[in-house]
Protein backbone atom coordinates (compact mmCIF):
# COMPACT_ATOMS: atom_id res chain seq x y z
CA MET A 1 -24.87 0.45 -0.61
CA THR A 2 -21.42 -0.44 -0.78
CA VAL A 3 -18.72 1.81 -2.16
CA ILE A 4 -16.22 -0.47 -4.48
CA LEU A 5 -12.44 1.09 -5.19
CA GLU A 6 -11.43 -0.05 -7.95
CA SER A 7 -8.85 3.27 -9.41
CA LEU A 8 -7.10 6.43 -8.04
CA ILE A 9 -10.44 7.81 -10.25
CA ASP A 10 -12.40 6.41 -7.22
CA PHE A 11 -11.37 8.07 -4.31
CA ASN A 12 -12.99 11.88 -5.19
CA LEU A 13 -15.67 13.60 -3.00
CA ASP A 14 -18.47 12.03 -3.86
CA THR A 15 -17.41 8.66 -2.51
CA LEU A 16 -15.70 10.51 0.25
CA LYS A 17 -19.32 11.62 1.12
CA ARG A 18 -20.72 8.88 0.61
CA VAL A 19 -18.42 7.04 3.01
CA ALA A 20 -17.54 9.12 5.72
CA TRP A 21 -21.44 11.08 6.33
CA ASP A 22 -24.02 9.00 4.84
CA GLY A 23 -22.19 5.96 6.38
CA GLU A 24 -21.50 3.10 3.21
CA THR A 25 -19.35 0.72 3.66
CA VAL A 26 -15.97 0.56 1.69
CA ALA A 27 -14.11 -2.15 -0.29
CA PHE A 28 -11.71 -2.81 -2.65
CA GLY A 29 -12.44 -4.06 -6.08
CA ASP A 30 -10.44 -6.80 -8.29
CA ARG A 31 -8.83 -4.65 -10.52
CA ALA A 32 -7.55 -2.95 -7.49
CA LEU A 33 -6.86 -5.77 -5.52
CA ALA A 34 -4.82 -7.19 -8.16
CA ARG A 35 -3.16 -3.89 -8.94
CA MET A 36 -2.04 -4.28 -5.28
CA THR A 37 -1.07 -7.67 -5.44
CA THR A 38 1.61 -6.82 -8.58
CA ALA A 39 2.67 -3.61 -6.82
CA ARG A 40 3.87 -5.58 -3.40
CA GLU A 41 5.51 -7.70 -5.50
CA GLN A 42 7.34 -5.81 -7.76
CA PHE A 43 8.47 -3.87 -4.84
CA LEU A 44 9.46 -7.10 -3.01
CA GLU A 45 11.70 -7.97 -6.05
CA LEU A 46 13.41 -4.39 -5.72
CA LEU A 47 14.23 -4.72 -2.41
CA LYS A 48 15.49 -8.51 -3.44
CA ARG A 49 17.68 -6.90 -6.54
CA GLU A 50 18.68 -3.99 -3.98
CA PRO A 51 19.51 -5.40 -0.32
CA ASP A 52 21.45 -2.42 0.86
CA LEU A 53 18.79 0.05 -0.68
CA LYS A 54 17.24 2.61 2.08
CA ILE A 55 14.00 3.44 2.16
CA TYR A 56 12.79 5.94 5.01
CA GLY A 57 10.12 3.18 7.70
CA VAL A 58 10.54 0.10 5.22
CA THR A 59 14.49 -0.50 5.14
CA THR A 60 15.49 1.87 7.70
CA GLY A 61 13.80 2.81 11.06
CA TYR A 62 11.29 5.56 11.43
CA ASP A 63 12.20 9.71 12.97
CA ASP A 64 15.70 9.23 14.96
CA ALA A 65 16.05 5.35 14.06
CA ALA A 66 16.12 6.79 10.11
CA GLY A 67 20.09 6.03 10.47
CA THR A 68 19.35 2.37 11.49
CA PHE A 69 19.25 -0.24 8.33
CA TYR A 70 16.98 -3.10 9.00
CA THR A 71 17.75 -6.89 7.21
CA LEU A 72 15.13 -7.59 4.59
CA VAL A 73 12.85 -10.35 5.62
CA VAL A 74 10.61 -11.86 3.08
CA ASP A 75 7.33 -13.69 3.42
CA ALA A 76 6.81 -16.51 1.45
CA ARG A 77 3.13 -15.46 0.75
């Protein structure tokens, strides 16, 4: 049987056991996918509104490159 993840409440010890120990597959459900799409759109909109916003690992580099600021390129998805 497939473990369907719809919300944070689905991330628990039971689902961990079912996937990690019992070998069940895991998939995101429609509600989770819709929420991820909305969150991505909101995040990209924030970056468009505030082009100088520094977010570690997103608009800047990682580790030693954290002071390096990247130019935002938004794909057409």
